[in-house]
Amino acid sequence: MRHAKDHRKLSRTHEHRRALLRNLVTALFEYERIETSVAKAKEARRFAERMITFAKRGDLAARREVASYVMKPAVTQKLFATIAPWYAERPGGYTRIIKTRARLGDAGEMAILELVKSKEQKDKERKEALEKAEASGKKKEKKAAAKEKEKAPSPSDAVEPRKRRGRP
């Protein structure tokens, strides 16, 4: 019986479990959305929310605590500079778990673990994505026009089509 035994062991040793959760939390802050199993997502959420709370404090001790857990210094910087200000007035609940599918192979429950964003943040991201898509669309149009110019034969290069052999 596991009475009063808190948290999931995820069928791993302590060291392996700690490394796994550190990598999941780092990936979550880096990409802002990850897909993993439901059990791993629920465990990673605990640590991700603690790291965001530390980042909201913003002092040196909090920065050292986060840096000792997060695997990449660039992600630590992003957490303090970008992610923590999103949740300045929010008292908790920084992440969301959305169950998605059953994994092929072992039918494990899969979920998306993502950072919760406000409507303004989502609108701003959509606007930036649209601008980026339009800019890349204009580049593609220019490239297509340049290729058409190269492919278009000049009148002096015109060659008569080959005549067919056989029955007319």
N, C-alpha and C. Protein backbone atom coordinates (compact mmCIF):
# COMPACT_ATOMS: atom_id res chain seq x y z
N MET A 1 0.83 -1.19 0.00
CA MET A 1 0.00 0.00 0.00
C MET A 1 0.87 1.25 0.00
N ARG A 2 0.40 2.28 -0.71
CA ARG A 2 1.16 3.51 -0.82
C ARG A 2 0.45 4.64 -0.09
N HIS A 3 -0.04 4.39 1.08
CA HIS A 3 -0.71 5.45 1.82
C HIS A 3 0.27 6.58 2.13
N ALA A 4 -0.17 7.80 1.95
CA ALA A 4 0.61 9.00 2.24
C ALA A 4 1.93 9.07 1.47
N LYS A 5 1.96 8.41 0.31
CA LYS A 5 3.12 8.51 -0.58
C LYS A 5 2.74 9.45 -1.71
N ASP A 6 3.29 10.62 -1.70
CA ASP A 6 2.89 11.66 -2.63
C ASP A 6 3.65 11.57 -3.95
N HIS A 7 2.99 11.91 -5.03
CA HIS A 7 3.55 12.09 -6.37
C HIS A 7 3.83 10.76 -7.07
N ARG A 8 4.01 10.87 -8.36
CA ARG A 8 4.21 9.70 -9.23
C ARG A 8 5.68 9.38 -9.36
N LYS A 9 5.99 8.08 -9.44
CA LYS A 9 7.39 7.67 -9.61
C LYS A 9 7.75 7.48 -11.07
N LEU A 10 6.75 7.35 -11.94
CA LEU A 10 6.95 7.24 -13.38
C LEU A 10 7.86 6.07 -13.78
N SER A 11 7.92 5.03 -12.94
CA SER A 11 8.73 3.83 -13.21
C SER A 11 10.19 4.17 -13.48
N ARG A 12 10.74 5.11 -12.73
CA ARG A 12 12.12 5.53 -12.91
C ARG A 12 12.80 5.69 -11.55
N THR A 13 14.12 5.67 -11.58
CA THR A 13 14.86 5.95 -10.36
C THR A 13 14.78 7.44 -10.06
N HIS A 14 15.19 7.82 -8.89
CA HIS A 14 15.13 9.23 -8.49
C HIS A 14 15.91 10.12 -9.46
N GLU A 15 17.12 9.70 -9.81
CA GLU A 15 17.96 10.53 -10.69
C GLU A 15 17.35 10.65 -12.09
N HIS A 16 16.86 9.52 -12.60
CA HIS A 16 16.27 9.53 -13.94
C HIS A 16 14.99 10.38 -13.96
N ARG A 17 14.18 10.25 -12.92
CA ARG A 17 12.94 11.02 -12.82
C ARG A 17 13.22 12.51 -12.74
N ARG A 18 14.22 12.90 -11.94
CA ARG A 18 14.58 14.31 -11.81
C ARG A 18 15.07 14.87 -13.15
N ALA A 19 15.91 14.11 -13.85
CA ALA A 19 16.41 14.56 -15.15
C ALA A 19 15.26 14.70 -16.16
N LEU A 20 14.36 13.74 -16.16
CA LEU A 20 13.23 13.78 -17.06
C LEU A 20 12.38 15.02 -16.82
N LEU A 21 12.06 15.29 -15.57
CA LEU A 21 11.21 16.44 -15.24
C LEU A 21 11.92 17.76 -15.53
N ARG A 22 13.22 17.81 -15.29
CA ARG A 22 13.97 19.03 -15.62
C ARG A 22 13.93 19.30 -17.12
N ASN A 23 14.10 18.23 -17.91
CA ASN A 23 14.05 18.39 -19.37
C ASN A 23 12.66 18.80 -19.84
N LEU A 24 11.62 18.21 -19.26
CA LEU A 24 10.25 18.59 -19.64
C LEU A 24 9.96 20.05 -19.32
N VAL A 25 10.36 20.49 -18.13
CA VAL A 25 10.12 21.88 -17.73
C VAL A 25 10.91 22.84 -18.63
N THR A 26 12.14 22.50 -18.92
CA THR A 26 12.96 23.34 -19.81
C THR A 26 12.31 23.44 -21.19
N ALA A 27 11.85 22.31 -21.73
CA ALA A 27 11.20 22.30 -23.04
C ALA A 27 9.90 23.11 -23.01
N LEU A 28 9.16 23.01 -21.92
CA LEU A 28 7.92 23.77 -21.80
C LEU A 28 8.19 25.27 -21.88
N PHE A 29 9.20 25.75 -21.17
CA PHE A 29 9.50 27.18 -21.20
C PHE A 29 10.11 27.59 -22.53
N GLU A 30 10.82 26.70 -23.18
CA GLU A 30 11.45 27.03 -24.45
C GLU A 30 10.41 27.12 -25.57
N TYR A 31 9.51 26.13 -25.64
CA TYR A 31 8.54 26.06 -26.74
C TYR A 31 7.14 26.52 -26.34
N GLU A 32 6.88 26.72 -25.06
CA GLU A 32 5.61 27.18 -24.49
C GLU A 32 4.48 26.17 -24.65
N ARG A 33 4.76 25.02 -25.25
CA ARG A 33 3.77 23.97 -25.43
C ARG A 33 4.48 22.68 -25.79
N ILE A 34 4.20 21.59 -25.05
CA ILE A 34 4.81 20.30 -25.34
C ILE A 34 3.76 19.21 -25.27
N GLU A 35 4.03 18.10 -25.96
CA GLU A 35 3.15 16.94 -25.88
C GLU A 35 3.90 15.83 -25.16
N THR A 36 3.23 15.25 -24.18
CA THR A 36 3.82 14.18 -23.38
C THR A 36 2.68 13.33 -22.81
N SER A 37 3.02 12.35 -22.01
CA SER A 37 1.97 11.53 -21.40
C SER A 37 1.28 12.33 -20.29
N VAL A 38 0.08 11.92 -19.94
CA VAL A 38 -0.70 12.65 -18.93
C VAL A 38 0.03 12.64 -17.59
N ALA A 39 0.57 11.48 -17.19
CA ALA A 39 1.24 11.38 -15.89
C ALA A 39 2.47 12.29 -15.83
N LYS A 40 3.27 12.30 -16.90
CA LYS A 40 4.45 13.17 -16.94
C LYS A 40 4.03 14.64 -16.94
N ALA A 41 2.96 14.96 -17.65
CA ALA A 41 2.49 16.35 -17.70
C ALA A 41 2.05 16.82 -16.32
N LYS A 42 1.36 15.96 -15.58
CA LYS A 42 0.89 16.35 -14.25
C LYS A 42 2.06 16.55 -13.30
N GLU A 43 3.09 15.74 -13.42
CA GLU A 43 4.27 15.92 -12.56
C GLU A 43 5.06 17.15 -12.97
N ALA A 44 5.25 17.35 -14.28
CA ALA A 44 6.03 18.49 -14.76
C ALA A 44 5.33 19.81 -14.42
N ARG A 45 4.01 19.79 -14.39
CA ARG A 45 3.26 21.01 -14.07
C ARG A 45 3.63 21.54 -12.69
N ARG A 46 3.80 20.64 -11.72
CA ARG A 46 4.16 21.07 -10.36
C ARG A 46 5.43 21.90 -10.37
N PHE A 47 6.44 21.41 -11.08
CA PHE A 47 7.73 22.10 -11.09
C PHE A 47 7.70 23.35 -11.95
N ALA A 48 6.97 23.31 -13.05
CA ALA A 48 6.88 24.48 -13.92
C ALA A 48 6.22 25.65 -13.18
N GLU A 49 5.18 25.36 -12.44
CA GLU A 49 4.51 26.44 -11.72
C GLU A 49 5.39 27.00 -10.61
N ARG A 50 6.18 26.14 -9.97
CA ARG A 50 7.13 26.64 -8.96
C ARG A 50 8.17 27.55 -9.59
N MET A 51 8.68 27.17 -10.77
CA MET A 51 9.69 27.98 -11.44
C MET A 51 9.12 29.34 -11.85
N ILE A 52 7.88 29.37 -12.30
CA ILE A 52 7.25 30.64 -12.66
C ILE A 52 7.07 31.52 -11.42
N THR A 53 6.71 30.90 -10.31
CA THR A 53 6.56 31.66 -9.06
C THR A 53 7.90 32.26 -8.63
N PHE A 54 8.96 31.47 -8.75
CA PHE A 54 10.30 32.01 -8.46
C PHE A 54 10.61 33.17 -9.40
N ALA A 55 10.32 33.01 -10.69
CA ALA A 55 10.63 34.06 -11.66
C ALA A 55 9.83 35.33 -11.38
N LYS A 56 8.62 35.19 -10.86
CA LYS A 56 7.83 36.38 -10.52
C LYS A 56 8.48 37.15 -9.38
N ARG A 57 9.13 36.42 -8.45
CA ARG A 57 9.85 37.12 -7.38
C ARG A 57 10.98 37.95 -7.95
N GLY A 58 11.75 37.35 -8.84
CA GLY A 58 12.75 38.08 -9.60
C GLY A 58 14.04 38.45 -8.89
N ASP A 59 14.24 38.04 -7.64
CA ASP A 59 15.48 38.41 -6.96
C ASP A 59 16.60 37.41 -7.30
N LEU A 60 17.78 37.68 -6.78
CA LEU A 60 18.95 36.87 -7.11
C LEU A 60 18.80 35.43 -6.64
N ALA A 61 18.27 35.24 -5.44
CA ALA A 61 18.10 33.89 -4.92
C ALA A 61 17.12 33.09 -5.79
N ALA A 62 16.07 33.74 -6.25
CA ALA A 62 15.10 33.07 -7.13
C ALA A 62 15.75 32.72 -8.46
N ARG A 63 16.56 33.64 -9.00
CA ARG A 63 17.24 33.37 -10.27
C ARG A 63 18.19 32.19 -10.13
N ARG A 64 18.89 32.09 -9.01
CA ARG A 64 19.81 30.96 -8.80
C ARG A 64 19.04 29.66 -8.64
N GLU A 65 17.91 29.70 -7.97
CA GLU A 65 17.08 28.51 -7.79
C GLU A 65 16.60 28.00 -9.15
N VAL A 66 16.11 28.89 -9.99
CA VAL A 66 15.63 28.51 -11.31
C VAL A 66 16.79 28.01 -12.17
N ALA A 67 17.93 28.70 -12.13
CA ALA A 67 19.08 28.31 -12.93
C ALA A 67 19.61 26.94 -12.54
N SER A 68 19.43 26.56 -11.27
CA SER A 68 19.89 25.24 -10.86
C SER A 68 18.96 24.14 -11.33
N TYR A 69 17.73 24.49 -11.72
CA TYR A 69 16.77 23.48 -12.16
C TYR A 69 16.64 23.45 -13.68
N VAL A 70 16.52 24.60 -14.32
CA VAL A 70 16.35 24.67 -15.77
C VAL A 70 17.67 24.35 -16.45
N MET A 71 17.61 23.60 -17.54
CA MET A 71 18.81 23.06 -18.17
C MET A 71 19.57 24.06 -19.06
N LYS A 72 18.89 25.06 -19.60
CA LYS A 72 19.52 25.98 -20.54
C LYS A 72 19.48 27.41 -20.01
N PRO A 73 20.63 28.09 -19.99
CA PRO A 73 20.66 29.48 -19.51
C PRO A 73 19.76 30.42 -20.33
N ALA A 74 19.65 30.18 -21.63
CA ALA A 74 18.79 31.04 -22.46
C ALA A 74 17.33 30.90 -22.06
N VAL A 75 16.94 29.71 -21.64
CA VAL A 75 15.56 29.49 -21.21
C VAL A 75 15.31 30.17 -19.87
N THR A 76 16.31 30.16 -19.00
CA THR A 76 16.20 30.87 -17.72
C THR A 76 15.98 32.36 -17.98
N GLN A 77 16.75 32.91 -18.90
CA GLN A 77 16.62 34.33 -19.26
C GLN A 77 15.23 34.61 -19.81
N LYS A 78 14.73 33.73 -20.69
CA LYS A 78 13.40 33.90 -21.27
C LYS A 78 12.34 33.86 -20.17
N LEU A 79 12.51 32.96 -19.21
CA LEU A 79 11.54 32.82 -18.12
C LEU A 79 11.43 34.12 -17.32
N PHE A 80 12.57 34.71 -16.97
CA PHE A 80 12.55 35.93 -16.17
C PHE A 80 12.14 37.15 -16.99
N ALA A 81 12.59 37.24 -18.24
CA ALA A 81 12.34 38.44 -19.04
C ALA A 81 10.98 38.44 -19.72
N THR A 82 10.51 37.28 -20.17
CA THR A 82 9.31 37.23 -20.99
C THR A 82 8.13 36.58 -20.28
N ILE A 83 8.34 35.39 -19.75
CA ILE A 83 7.21 34.59 -19.24
C ILE A 83 6.69 35.13 -17.91
N ALA A 84 7.57 35.45 -16.97
CA ALA A 84 7.12 35.92 -15.65
C ALA A 84 6.25 37.17 -15.72
N PRO A 85 6.56 38.17 -16.57
CA PRO A 85 5.67 39.34 -16.65
C PRO A 85 4.25 39.02 -17.12
N TRP A 86 4.06 37.93 -17.87
CA TRP A 86 2.72 37.55 -18.31
C TRP A 86 1.82 37.30 -17.11
N TYR A 87 2.40 36.78 -16.02
CA TYR A 87 1.61 36.33 -14.88
C TYR A 87 1.77 37.24 -13.66
N ALA A 88 2.10 38.50 -13.86
CA ALA A 88 2.36 39.41 -12.74
C ALA A 88 1.17 39.51 -11.78
N GLU A 89 -0.05 39.58 -12.31
CA GLU A 89 -1.23 39.70 -11.45
C GLU A 89 -1.93 38.37 -11.19
N ARG A 90 -1.45 37.31 -11.79
CA ARG A 90 -2.11 36.01 -11.67
C ARG A 90 -1.56 35.27 -10.45
N PRO A 91 -2.42 34.79 -9.55
CA PRO A 91 -1.92 34.14 -8.33
C PRO A 91 -1.51 32.68 -8.51
N GLY A 92 -1.79 32.07 -9.63
CA GLY A 92 -1.42 30.67 -9.84
C GLY A 92 -2.11 30.16 -11.08
N GLY A 93 -1.94 28.87 -11.36
CA GLY A 93 -2.58 28.28 -12.54
C GLY A 93 -1.97 28.78 -13.82
N TYR A 94 -0.66 28.64 -13.95
CA TYR A 94 0.05 29.16 -15.11
C TYR A 94 0.08 28.18 -16.27
N THR A 95 -0.26 26.91 -16.01
CA THR A 95 -0.19 25.89 -17.06
C THR A 95 -1.55 25.23 -17.23
N ARG A 96 -1.69 24.56 -18.38
CA ARG A 96 -2.93 23.87 -18.71
C ARG A 96 -2.55 22.52 -19.30
N ILE A 97 -3.33 21.48 -18.94
CA ILE A 97 -3.13 20.14 -19.51
C ILE A 97 -4.37 19.80 -20.33
N ILE A 98 -4.16 19.50 -21.61
CA ILE A 98 -5.25 19.13 -22.51
C ILE A 98 -5.00 17.71 -22.98
N LYS A 99 -5.90 16.79 -22.62
CA LYS A 99 -5.76 15.40 -23.05
C LYS A 99 -6.06 15.31 -24.54
N THR A 100 -5.19 14.60 -25.28
CA THR A 100 -5.34 14.60 -26.73
C THR A 100 -5.71 13.25 -27.33
N ARG A 101 -4.94 12.20 -27.10
CA ARG A 101 -5.13 10.96 -27.84
C ARG A 101 -4.54 9.80 -27.06
N ALA A 102 -4.72 8.61 -27.61
CA ALA A 102 -4.04 7.43 -27.09
C ALA A 102 -2.83 7.18 -27.99
N ARG A 103 -1.67 7.02 -27.41
CA ARG A 103 -0.44 6.83 -28.16
C ARG A 103 -0.47 5.49 -28.88
N LEU A 104 -0.03 5.47 -30.12
CA LEU A 104 0.07 4.22 -30.86
C LEU A 104 1.17 3.38 -30.24
N GLY A 105 0.96 2.11 -30.18
CA GLY A 105 1.98 1.22 -29.63
C GLY A 105 1.59 0.71 -28.27
N ASP A 106 1.41 1.59 -27.31
CA ASP A 106 1.06 1.14 -25.97
C ASP A 106 -0.24 1.76 -25.45
N ALA A 107 -0.91 2.56 -26.29
CA ALA A 107 -2.18 3.19 -25.94
C ALA A 107 -2.09 4.07 -24.69
N GLY A 108 -0.91 4.64 -24.45
CA GLY A 108 -0.75 5.55 -23.32
C GLY A 108 -1.51 6.85 -23.55
N GLU A 109 -2.09 7.40 -22.49
CA GLU A 109 -2.82 8.66 -22.61
C GLU A 109 -1.83 9.79 -22.87
N MET A 110 -2.05 10.55 -23.92
CA MET A 110 -1.19 11.67 -24.25
C MET A 110 -1.90 12.98 -23.95
N ALA A 111 -1.10 14.01 -23.67
CA ALA A 111 -1.66 15.31 -23.35
C ALA A 111 -0.72 16.41 -23.82
N ILE A 112 -1.28 17.59 -23.99
CA ILE A 112 -0.49 18.77 -24.30
C ILE A 112 -0.39 19.58 -23.01
N LEU A 113 0.83 19.91 -22.63
CA LEU A 113 1.08 20.77 -21.49
C LEU A 113 1.51 22.11 -22.06
N GLU A 114 0.76 23.17 -21.72
CA GLU A 114 1.06 24.47 -22.30
C GLU A 114 0.92 25.57 -21.26
N LEU A 115 1.57 26.68 -21.53
CA LEU A 115 1.44 27.86 -20.68
C LEU A 115 0.15 28.58 -21.02
N VAL A 116 -0.57 29.01 -20.00
CA VAL A 116 -1.82 29.74 -20.19
C VAL A 116 -1.48 31.17 -20.59
N LYS A 117 -2.18 31.66 -21.61
CA LYS A 117 -1.94 33.04 -22.06
C LYS A 117 -3.25 33.80 -22.06
N SER A 118 -3.14 35.11 -21.89
CA SER A 118 -4.34 35.95 -21.91
C SER A 118 -4.79 36.17 -23.36
N LYS A 119 -5.99 36.70 -23.52
CA LYS A 119 -6.52 36.96 -24.85
C LYS A 119 -5.65 37.95 -25.62
N GLU A 120 -5.14 38.95 -24.92
CA GLU A 120 -4.30 39.97 -25.58
C GLU A 120 -3.03 39.33 -26.14
N GLN A 121 -2.42 38.43 -25.36
CA GLN A 121 -1.20 37.76 -25.82
C GLN A 121 -1.48 36.91 -27.05
N LYS A 122 -2.60 36.18 -27.03
CA LYS A 122 -2.95 35.33 -28.17
C LYS A 122 -3.20 36.18 -29.42
N ASP A 123 -3.91 37.30 -29.26
CA ASP A 123 -4.18 38.18 -30.39
C ASP A 123 -2.88 38.75 -30.96
N LYS A 124 -1.98 39.14 -30.08
CA LYS A 124 -0.69 39.69 -30.51
C LYS A 124 0.11 38.64 -31.28
N GLU A 125 0.13 37.40 -30.79
CA GLU A 125 0.86 36.32 -31.47
C GLU A 125 0.25 36.02 -32.83
N ARG A 126 -1.08 36.01 -32.91
CA ARG A 126 -1.74 35.77 -34.19
C ARG A 126 -1.37 36.86 -35.20
N LYS A 127 -1.37 38.10 -34.73
CA LYS A 127 -1.05 39.23 -35.60
C LYS A 127 0.39 39.11 -36.12
N GLU A 128 1.32 38.77 -35.22
CA GLU A 128 2.71 38.60 -35.63
C GLU A 128 2.85 37.45 -36.62
N ALA A 129 2.13 36.35 -36.39
CA ALA A 129 2.20 35.21 -37.29
C ALA A 129 1.66 35.56 -38.67
N LEU A 130 0.56 36.33 -38.70
CA LEU A 130 0.00 36.75 -39.99
C LEU A 130 0.96 37.66 -40.74
N GLU A 131 1.57 38.60 -40.02
CA GLU A 131 2.54 39.49 -40.66
C GLU A 131 3.72 38.70 -41.22
N LYS A 132 4.17 37.73 -40.45
CA LYS A 132 5.29 36.89 -40.89
C LYS A 132 4.90 36.08 -42.13
N ALA A 133 3.68 35.54 -42.13
CA ALA A 133 3.20 34.76 -43.27
C ALA A 133 3.08 35.64 -44.51
N GLU A 134 2.57 36.85 -44.34
CA GLU A 134 2.45 37.76 -45.47
C GLU A 134 3.82 38.12 -46.03
N ALA A 135 4.78 38.36 -45.13
CA ALA A 135 6.13 38.71 -45.58
C ALA A 135 6.74 37.55 -46.35
N SER A 136 6.57 36.33 -45.86
CA SER A 136 7.14 35.18 -46.56
C SER A 136 6.39 34.94 -47.86
N GLY A 137 5.09 35.24 -47.88
CA GLY A 137 4.30 35.10 -49.11
C GLY A 137 4.77 36.05 -50.19
N LYS A 138 5.12 37.28 -49.80
CA LYS A 138 5.64 38.26 -50.76
C LYS A 138 6.98 37.80 -51.32
N LYS A 139 7.82 37.22 -50.46
CA LYS A 139 9.11 36.71 -50.92
C LYS A 139 8.91 35.59 -51.94
N LYS A 140 7.94 34.70 -51.66
CA LYS A 140 7.67 33.58 -52.57
C LYS A 140 7.17 34.09 -53.91
N GLU A 141 6.33 35.14 -53.88
CA GLU A 141 5.82 35.71 -55.13
C GLU A 141 6.96 36.29 -55.96
N LYS A 142 7.89 36.97 -55.31
CA LYS A 142 9.04 37.54 -56.04
C LYS A 142 9.89 36.44 -56.65
N LYS A 143 10.13 35.36 -55.90
CA LYS A 143 10.92 34.24 -56.42
C LYS A 143 10.21 33.59 -57.60
N ALA A 144 8.90 33.41 -57.51
CA ALA A 144 8.14 32.79 -58.59
C ALA A 144 8.20 33.67 -59.84
N ALA A 145 8.08 34.98 -59.67
CA ALA A 145 8.15 35.90 -60.81
C ALA A 145 9.54 35.84 -61.47
N ALA A 146 10.57 35.75 -60.65
CA ALA A 146 11.94 35.67 -61.19
C ALA A 146 12.13 34.36 -61.96
N LYS A 147 11.59 33.28 -61.47
CA LYS A 147 11.71 31.99 -62.17
C LYS A 147 10.96 32.01 -63.49
N GLU A 148 9.79 32.65 -63.52
CA GLU A 148 9.02 32.74 -64.75
C GLU A 148 9.78 33.53 -65.80
N LYS A 149 10.45 34.59 -65.38
CA LYS A 149 11.24 35.39 -66.32
C LYS A 149 12.34 34.54 -66.93
N GLU A 150 12.99 33.73 -66.09
CA GLU A 150 14.08 32.87 -66.58
C GLU A 150 13.55 31.81 -67.53
N LYS A 151 12.38 31.26 -67.26
CA LYS A 151 11.84 30.16 -68.05
C LYS A 151 11.22 30.63 -69.35
N ALA A 152 10.73 31.84 -69.40
CA ALA A 152 10.04 32.33 -70.59
C ALA A 152 11.03 32.39 -71.76
N PRO A 153 10.72 31.67 -72.85
CA PRO A 153 11.66 31.69 -73.99
C PRO A 153 11.55 33.01 -74.76
N SER A 154 12.66 33.44 -75.28
CA SER A 154 12.66 34.66 -76.08
C SER A 154 12.25 34.28 -77.51
N PRO A 155 11.72 35.22 -78.30
CA PRO A 155 11.24 34.89 -79.66
C PRO A 155 12.35 34.35 -80.56
N SER A 156 13.60 34.75 -80.37
CA SER A 156 14.70 34.27 -81.21
C SER A 156 15.04 32.82 -80.91
N ASP A 157 14.67 32.34 -79.75
CA ASP A 157 14.98 30.97 -79.37
C ASP A 157 13.88 29.99 -79.77
N ALA A 158 12.85 30.49 -80.45
CA ALA A 158 11.72 29.63 -80.79
C ALA A 158 12.17 28.53 -81.73
N VAL A 159 11.75 27.32 -81.46
CA VAL A 159 12.12 26.15 -82.26
C VAL A 159 10.82 25.49 -82.70
N GLU A 160 10.82 25.03 -83.94
CA GLU A 160 9.63 24.37 -84.44
C GLU A 160 9.45 23.03 -83.71
N PRO A 161 8.22 22.66 -83.42
CA PRO A 161 7.99 21.36 -82.77
C PRO A 161 8.34 20.23 -83.71
N ARG A 162 8.74 19.09 -83.14
CA ARG A 162 9.11 17.92 -83.95
C ARG A 162 7.87 17.32 -84.58
N LYS A 163 8.05 16.85 -85.80
CA LYS A 163 6.93 16.23 -86.49
C LYS A 163 6.82 14.79 -86.02
N ARG A 164 5.58 14.31 -85.92
CA ARG A 164 5.33 12.95 -85.49
C ARG A 164 5.56 11.98 -86.64
N ARG A 165 6.10 10.86 -86.30
CA ARG A 165 6.28 9.81 -87.30
C ARG A 165 5.09 8.87 -87.22
N GLY A 166 4.91 8.15 -88.22
CA GLY A 166 3.83 7.17 -88.19
C GLY A 166 2.64 7.64 -88.98
N ARG A 167 1.51 7.10 -88.61
CA ARG A 167 0.28 7.44 -89.35
C ARG A 167 -0.13 8.87 -89.08
N PRO A 168 -0.64 9.52 -90.14
CA PRO A 168 -1.09 10.90 -89.96
C PRO A 168 -2.44 11.01 -89.31
